N, C-alpha and C. Protein backbone atom coordinates (compact mmCIF):
# COMPACT_ATOMS: atom_id res chain seq x y z
N MET A 1 0.99 -1.16 0.08
CA MET A 1 -0.31 -0.03 -0.08
C MET A 1 0.81 0.99 -0.03
N ASN A 2 0.61 1.98 -0.76
CA ASN A 2 1.39 3.32 -0.84
C ASN A 2 0.91 4.78 -0.20
N GLN A 3 1.40 5.62 -0.01
CA GLN A 3 1.44 6.47 1.04
C GLN A 3 0.01 7.23 0.59
N GLU A 4 -0.18 7.26 -0.40
CA GLU A 4 -1.66 7.86 -0.88
C GLU A 4 -3.02 6.72 -0.46
N GLU A 5 -2.66 5.63 -0.78
CA GLU A 5 -3.84 4.95 -0.23
C GLU A 5 -3.93 4.75 1.16
N LYS A 6 -2.87 5.01 2.17
CA LYS A 6 -2.89 5.23 3.62
C LYS A 6 -3.46 6.47 4.05
N LYS A 7 -3.15 7.44 3.23
CA LYS A 7 -3.72 8.66 3.83
C LYS A 7 -5.10 8.62 3.46
N GLY A 8 -5.50 7.97 2.17
CA GLY A 8 -7.27 8.05 1.97
C GLY A 8 -7.95 6.97 3.08
N MET A 9 -7.16 6.10 3.64
CA MET A 9 -7.80 5.19 4.59
C MET A 9 -7.87 5.82 5.96
N ALA A 10 -6.99 6.68 6.21
CA ALA A 10 -6.92 7.34 7.54
C ALA A 10 -7.92 8.40 7.46
N LYS A 11 -8.36 8.66 6.53
CA LYS A 11 -9.47 9.80 6.52
C LYS A 11 -11.01 9.34 6.22
N GLY A 12 -11.01 8.03 6.24
CA GLY A 12 -12.27 7.05 6.02
C GLY A 12 -12.83 6.67 5.11
N TYR A 13 -12.09 6.94 3.92
CA TYR A 13 -12.41 6.48 2.50
C TYR A 13 -12.46 4.78 2.35
N GLY A 14 -13.28 4.45 1.57
CA GLY A 14 -13.11 2.84 1.55
C GLY A 14 -13.97 2.31 2.85
N LYS A 15 -14.55 2.73 3.61
CA LYS A 15 -15.18 2.13 4.89
C LYS A 15 -16.37 1.04 4.32
N PHE A 16 -17.25 1.82 3.21
CA PHE A 16 -18.50 1.30 2.70
C PHE A 16 -18.36 0.45 1.67
N GLY A 17 -18.35 -0.66 2.02
CA GLY A 17 -18.32 -1.76 0.61
C GLY A 17 -16.86 -1.56 0.26
N GLY A 18 -15.86 -1.58 0.89
CA GLY A 18 -14.73 -1.73 0.18
C GLY A 18 -14.35 -0.83 -0.96
N GLY A 19 -14.70 0.44 -0.61
CA GLY A 19 -14.05 1.85 -1.31
C GLY A 19 -15.28 2.19 -2.24
N GLY A 20 -16.69 2.21 -1.81
CA GLY A 20 -17.64 2.47 -2.74
C GLY A 20 -17.47 3.75 -2.70
N SER A 21 -18.04 4.56 -3.58
CA SER A 21 -18.23 6.00 -3.89
C SER A 21 -19.36 6.72 -3.29
N MET A 22 -19.57 7.96 -3.26
CA MET A 22 -20.65 8.52 -2.35
C MET A 22 -21.62 8.19 -3.25
N GLY A 23 -21.56 7.95 -4.78
CA GLY A 23 -22.58 7.87 -5.56
C GLY A 23 -23.20 6.65 -5.40
N ASN A 24 -22.62 5.61 -4.86
CA ASN A 24 -23.23 4.47 -4.58
C ASN A 24 -24.02 4.51 -3.26
N GLN A 25 -23.32 5.31 -2.42
CA GLN A 25 -23.65 5.31 -1.06
C GLN A 25 -25.35 5.89 -1.29
N ASN A 26 -25.47 7.06 -2.15
CA ASN A 26 -26.53 7.89 -2.41
C ASN A 26 -27.49 7.18 -3.32
N ALA A 27 -27.18 6.32 -4.11
CA ALA A 27 -28.35 5.44 -5.01
C ALA A 27 -28.70 4.36 -3.60
N MET A 28 -27.75 3.86 -2.75
CA MET A 28 -28.47 2.64 -1.81
C MET A 28 -29.38 3.24 -1.05
N ARG A 29 -29.18 4.73 -0.63
CA ARG A 29 -30.05 5.85 0.11
C ARG A 29 -31.36 5.69 -0.44
N LYS A 30 -31.33 5.99 -1.63
CA LYS A 30 -32.48 6.25 -2.63
C LYS A 30 -33.22 5.11 -2.63
N GLN A 31 -32.58 3.97 -2.86
CA GLN A 31 -33.36 2.42 -2.56
C GLN A 31 -33.87 2.30 -1.40
N LEU A 32 -33.26 2.61 -0.47
CA LEU A 32 -34.00 2.37 1.00
C LEU A 32 -35.24 3.12 1.21
N LEU A 33 -35.00 4.54 0.78
CA LEU A 33 -36.07 5.44 0.91
C LEU A 33 -37.02 4.90 0.17
N ASP A 34 -36.86 4.63 -0.87
CA ASP A 34 -38.03 4.02 -2.05
C ASP A 34 -38.86 2.67 -1.41
N LEU A 35 -37.93 1.99 -0.90
CA LEU A 35 -38.40 0.82 -0.34
C LEU A 35 -39.30 1.02 0.93
N GLN A 36 -38.79 1.93 1.99
CA GLN A 36 -39.47 2.39 2.98
C GLN A 36 -40.76 3.09 2.35
N LYS A 37 -40.83 3.65 1.58
CA LYS A 37 -42.37 4.04 1.17
C LYS A 37 -43.07 2.77 0.75
N GLN A 38 -42.60 2.25 0.10
CA GLN A 38 -43.43 1.04 -0.65
C GLN A 38 -44.01 0.10 0.66
N MET A 39 -43.23 -0.20 1.53
CA MET A 39 -43.65 -0.72 2.89
C MET A 39 -44.47 0.17 3.58
N GLU A 40 -44.66 1.23 3.66
CA GLU A 40 -45.75 2.35 4.50
C GLU A 40 -47.03 2.00 3.65
N GLU A 41 -46.81 2.25 2.12
CA GLU A 41 -48.09 1.97 1.38
C GLU A 41 -48.66 0.69 1.57
N GLN A 42 -47.66 -0.34 1.70
CA GLN A 42 -48.13 -1.77 1.77
C GLN A 42 -49.01 -1.98 2.96
N GLN A 43 -48.62 -1.53 4.20
CA GLN A 43 -48.93 -1.79 5.38
C GLN A 43 -50.14 -0.85 5.53
N ALA A 44 -50.41 0.44 4.84
CA ALA A 44 -51.70 0.82 4.82
C ALA A 44 -52.77 0.02 4.10
N LYS A 45 -52.61 -0.70 2.97
CA LYS A 45 -53.30 -1.39 2.26
C LYS A 45 -53.69 -2.75 3.22
N ILE A 46 -52.93 -3.24 3.82
CA ILE A 46 -53.11 -4.14 4.56
C ILE A 46 -53.99 -4.02 5.65
N ALA A 47 -53.94 -2.99 6.13
CA ALA A 47 -54.80 -2.23 7.44
C ALA A 47 -56.10 -2.20 7.04
N GLU A 48 -56.38 -1.85 5.74
CA GLU A 48 -57.88 -1.78 4.91
C GLU A 48 -58.50 -3.07 4.56
N THR A 49 -57.81 -3.99 4.33
CA THR A 49 -57.96 -5.16 4.10
C THR A 49 -58.81 -6.03 4.93
N ASN A 50 -59.82 -6.84 5.13
CA ASN A 50 -60.41 -7.59 6.14
C ASN A 50 -60.25 -9.12 5.73
N VAL A 51 -60.34 -9.93 6.85
CA VAL A 51 -60.34 -11.38 6.60
C VAL A 51 -61.55 -11.91 7.24
N THR A 52 -61.94 -12.90 6.95
CA THR A 52 -62.85 -13.23 7.85
C THR A 52 -63.15 -14.76 8.03
N ALA A 53 -63.19 -15.34 9.27
CA ALA A 53 -62.92 -16.63 9.52
C ALA A 53 -64.20 -17.32 9.98
N THR A 54 -64.59 -18.48 9.22
CA THR A 54 -66.38 -18.66 9.67
C THR A 54 -65.97 -20.26 10.41
N VAL A 55 -66.86 -20.22 11.35
CA VAL A 55 -66.61 -21.53 12.21
C VAL A 55 -67.90 -21.97 12.62
N GLY A 56 -67.94 -23.11 13.45
CA GLY A 56 -69.17 -23.89 13.59
C GLY A 56 -70.15 -23.69 12.72
N GLY A 57 -69.76 -24.21 11.73
CA GLY A 57 -70.55 -24.73 10.69
C GLY A 57 -71.23 -23.34 10.15
N GLY A 58 -70.53 -22.48 10.16
CA GLY A 58 -71.07 -21.10 9.57
C GLY A 58 -71.96 -20.19 10.57
N ALA A 59 -72.00 -20.83 11.65
CA ALA A 59 -72.77 -20.27 12.76
C ALA A 59 -72.37 -18.87 13.39
N ILE A 60 -70.82 -18.93 12.93
CA ILE A 60 -70.27 -17.87 13.56
C ILE A 60 -69.05 -17.09 12.68
N LYS A 61 -68.98 -15.81 12.52
CA LYS A 61 -68.19 -15.33 11.36
C LYS A 61 -67.28 -14.07 12.36
N ILE A 62 -66.16 -13.91 12.30
CA ILE A 62 -65.18 -13.33 12.71
C ILE A 62 -64.42 -12.43 11.73
N THR A 63 -64.56 -11.35 11.57
CA THR A 63 -64.03 -10.14 10.52
C THR A 63 -62.77 -9.64 11.45
N MET A 64 -61.78 -9.54 10.80
CA MET A 64 -60.49 -8.99 11.51
C MET A 64 -59.69 -8.10 10.28
N THR A 65 -59.17 -6.93 10.65
CA THR A 65 -57.96 -6.21 9.53
C THR A 65 -56.88 -7.24 9.38
N GLY A 66 -56.32 -6.56 8.16
CA GLY A 66 -55.01 -7.29 8.38
C GLY A 66 -53.94 -6.77 9.18
N ASP A 67 -54.14 -5.65 9.79
CA ASP A 67 -53.53 -5.28 10.77
C ASP A 67 -53.96 -5.71 12.35
N GLN A 68 -54.74 -7.00 12.18
CA GLN A 68 -55.20 -7.63 13.31
C GLN A 68 -55.97 -6.73 14.20
N VAL A 69 -57.16 -6.19 13.74
CA VAL A 69 -57.96 -5.44 14.65
C VAL A 69 -59.37 -5.92 14.39
N CYS A 70 -60.00 -6.48 15.31
CA CYS A 70 -61.37 -7.35 15.22
C CYS A 70 -62.22 -6.46 14.91
N LYS A 71 -62.74 -6.48 13.98
CA LYS A 71 -64.10 -5.78 13.51
C LYS A 71 -65.27 -6.03 13.81
N SER A 72 -65.73 -7.33 13.88
CA SER A 72 -66.95 -7.90 14.26
C SER A 72 -67.09 -9.50 14.44
N VAL A 73 -67.60 -9.59 15.20
CA VAL A 73 -68.10 -11.03 15.46
C VAL A 73 -69.85 -11.48 15.35
N GLU A 74 -70.11 -12.01 14.50
CA GLU A 74 -71.72 -12.17 14.17
C GLU A 74 -71.84 -13.58 14.67
N ILE A 75 -73.00 -13.92 15.12
CA ILE A 75 -73.28 -15.29 15.43
C ILE A 75 -74.72 -15.36 15.20
N ASP A 76 -74.99 -16.81 14.62
CA ASP A 76 -76.51 -17.05 14.26
C ASP A 76 -77.32 -17.19 15.06
N PRO A 77 -78.27 -16.35 15.39
CA PRO A 77 -79.23 -16.83 16.49
C PRO A 77 -79.49 -18.22 16.84
N ASP A 78 -79.94 -18.83 15.57
CA ASP A 78 -80.12 -19.89 15.81
C ASP A 78 -79.06 -20.90 16.71
N PHE A 79 -78.06 -20.89 16.36
CA PHE A 79 -77.02 -21.48 16.83
C PHE A 79 -76.93 -21.45 18.54
N LEU A 80 -77.46 -20.45 18.92
CA LEU A 80 -77.44 -20.05 20.33
C LEU A 80 -78.50 -21.17 21.07
N LYS A 81 -79.43 -21.42 20.30
CA LYS A 81 -80.39 -22.25 20.77
C LYS A 81 -80.05 -23.68 21.61
N ASP A 82 -79.17 -24.04 20.85
CA ASP A 82 -78.78 -25.56 20.97
C ASP A 82 -76.98 -25.08 21.89
N ALA A 83 -76.69 -24.17 22.00
CA ALA A 83 -75.02 -24.27 22.32
C ALA A 83 -75.23 -23.81 23.92
N ASP A 84 -74.22 -24.37 24.34
CA ASP A 84 -73.98 -24.00 25.95
C ASP A 84 -72.53 -23.04 26.14
N ALA A 85 -72.62 -22.24 26.96
CA ALA A 85 -71.38 -20.92 27.05
C ALA A 85 -70.06 -21.57 26.65
N GLU A 86 -69.84 -22.92 27.25
CA GLU A 86 -68.57 -23.58 27.25
C GLU A 86 -68.17 -23.75 25.50
N MET A 87 -69.08 -24.32 25.20
CA MET A 87 -68.82 -24.53 23.63
C MET A 87 -68.80 -23.17 22.94
N LEU A 88 -69.92 -22.35 23.27
CA LEU A 88 -69.58 -21.09 22.25
C LEU A 88 -68.39 -20.37 22.49
N GLN A 89 -67.50 -20.29 23.70
CA GLN A 89 -66.53 -19.91 24.12
C GLN A 89 -65.30 -20.80 23.34
N ASP A 90 -65.65 -21.76 23.33
CA ASP A 90 -64.26 -22.54 22.41
C ASP A 90 -64.58 -22.09 20.86
N ILE A 91 -65.81 -22.26 20.33
CA ILE A 91 -65.87 -21.96 19.17
C ILE A 91 -65.41 -20.44 18.61
N ILE A 92 -65.82 -19.54 19.49
CA ILE A 92 -65.42 -18.33 19.35
C ILE A 92 -63.73 -18.02 19.45
N LEU A 93 -63.38 -18.78 20.36
CA LEU A 93 -61.83 -18.66 20.67
C LEU A 93 -61.16 -19.01 19.21
N SER A 94 -61.72 -20.26 18.77
CA SER A 94 -61.06 -20.98 17.67
C SER A 94 -61.19 -20.08 16.55
N GLY A 95 -62.29 -19.43 16.16
CA GLY A 95 -62.45 -18.39 15.20
C GLY A 95 -61.69 -17.24 15.65
N ILE A 96 -61.56 -16.74 16.51
CA ILE A 96 -60.56 -15.57 16.72
C ILE A 96 -59.19 -15.87 16.09
N ASN A 97 -58.64 -17.18 16.55
CA ASN A 97 -57.36 -17.70 16.50
C ASN A 97 -57.05 -17.85 14.88
N MET A 98 -58.38 -18.34 14.14
CA MET A 98 -58.18 -18.73 12.67
C MET A 98 -57.98 -17.27 11.96
N ALA A 99 -58.71 -16.09 12.39
CA ALA A 99 -58.53 -14.97 11.88
C ALA A 99 -57.37 -14.17 11.95
N LEU A 100 -56.94 -14.59 12.95
CA LEU A 100 -55.46 -13.87 13.36
C LEU A 100 -54.56 -14.62 12.47
N ASP A 101 -54.81 -15.84 12.50
CA ASP A 101 -53.95 -16.62 11.42
C ASP A 101 -53.67 -16.27 9.85
N GLN A 102 -55.37 -15.90 9.72
CA GLN A 102 -55.18 -15.55 8.22
C GLN A 102 -54.77 -14.08 7.94
N SER A 103 -54.84 -13.04 8.73
CA SER A 103 -54.27 -11.65 8.88
C SER A 103 -52.82 -11.82 8.97
N ARG A 104 -52.24 -12.95 9.78
CA ARG A 104 -50.94 -12.91 9.82
C ARG A 104 -50.37 -13.36 8.28
N LYS A 105 -50.94 -14.28 7.69
CA LYS A 105 -50.75 -14.61 6.39
C LYS A 105 -50.90 -13.46 5.33
N LEU A 106 -51.72 -12.83 5.35
CA LEU A 106 -52.07 -11.76 4.53
C LEU A 106 -50.57 -10.64 4.56
N SER A 107 -50.48 -10.46 5.78
CA SER A 107 -49.42 -9.64 5.99
C SER A 107 -48.08 -10.09 5.61
N GLU A 108 -47.84 -11.17 5.62
CA GLU A 108 -46.55 -12.28 5.37
C GLU A 108 -46.40 -12.09 3.95
N ASP A 109 -47.56 -12.56 3.27
CA ASP A 109 -47.85 -12.62 1.81
C ASP A 109 -47.51 -11.10 1.05
N SER A 110 -48.09 -9.96 1.90
CA SER A 110 -47.94 -8.72 1.34
C SER A 110 -46.60 -8.23 1.18
N MET A 111 -45.92 -8.20 2.25
CA MET A 111 -44.87 -7.81 2.76
C MET A 111 -43.76 -8.55 2.23
N GLY A 112 -43.84 -10.13 1.94
CA GLY A 112 -42.71 -10.82 1.71
C GLY A 112 -41.71 -10.19 0.81
N PRO A 113 -42.42 -9.91 -0.58
CA PRO A 113 -41.17 -9.49 -1.41
C PRO A 113 -40.54 -8.21 -1.16
N LEU A 114 -41.09 -7.36 -0.04
CA LEU A 114 -40.59 -6.29 0.24
C LEU A 114 -39.27 -6.70 1.36
N SER A 115 -39.61 -7.47 2.01
CA SER A 115 -38.46 -7.91 2.71
C SER A 115 -37.36 -8.79 2.20
N GLY A 116 -37.99 -9.49 0.99
CA GLY A 116 -36.78 -9.82 0.41
C GLY A 116 -36.10 -8.95 -0.39
N ALA A 117 -36.36 -7.82 -0.78
CA ALA A 117 -35.80 -6.71 -1.38
C ALA A 117 -34.61 -6.38 -0.31
N LEU A 118 -34.93 -6.05 0.69
CA LEU A 118 -33.97 -5.73 1.87
C LEU A 118 -32.92 -6.96 2.04
N SER A 119 -33.48 -8.12 1.91
CA SER A 119 -32.39 -9.22 2.17
C SER A 119 -31.17 -9.13 1.08
N SER A 120 -31.96 -8.97 -0.01
CA SER A 120 -30.98 -8.91 -1.28
C SER A 120 -29.97 -7.76 -1.18
N MET A 121 -30.37 -6.80 -0.41
CA MET A 121 -29.32 -5.72 -0.21
C MET A 121 -28.48 -5.77 1.23
N GLY A 122 -28.53 -6.97 1.47
CA GLY A 122 -27.70 -7.40 2.69
C GLY A 122 -28.21 -6.70 3.98
N LEU A 123 -29.68 -6.58 4.35
CA LEU A 123 -30.10 -5.71 5.28
C LEU A 123 -31.62 -6.84 5.52
N GLY A 124 -31.33 -8.17 5.68
CA GLY A 124 -32.29 -8.98 5.93
C GLY A 124 -32.49 -8.99 7.46
N PHE A 125 -34.07 -9.30 7.81
CA PHE A 125 -34.55 -8.92 9.07
C PHE A 125 -35.18 -10.37 9.35
């Protein structure tokens, strides 16, 4: 290594990516900002999307948003004639968990490509 190279290293040149220029850093920063914007837009879409789980042979429907906010629980009144409290609780719990699973899958499927982009940039989470 000659004296000029040593001076450059002492000043901090070459720390990013083995000598990447400011242009490369700026391009990477722009990519990250674009990706952040896309992620925020996708999260907003997910929050507006509803999933519905149906349990008890269709007697109970639970609707949840993609960001896991329970919007409604609908119970067919005819179902209540033959159901006891414990059975009703078990079926509702099952429906809530099913709706949560659907909500998580929606989020994973929607955000997966963006997470993959981060990984390809060496920033996997």
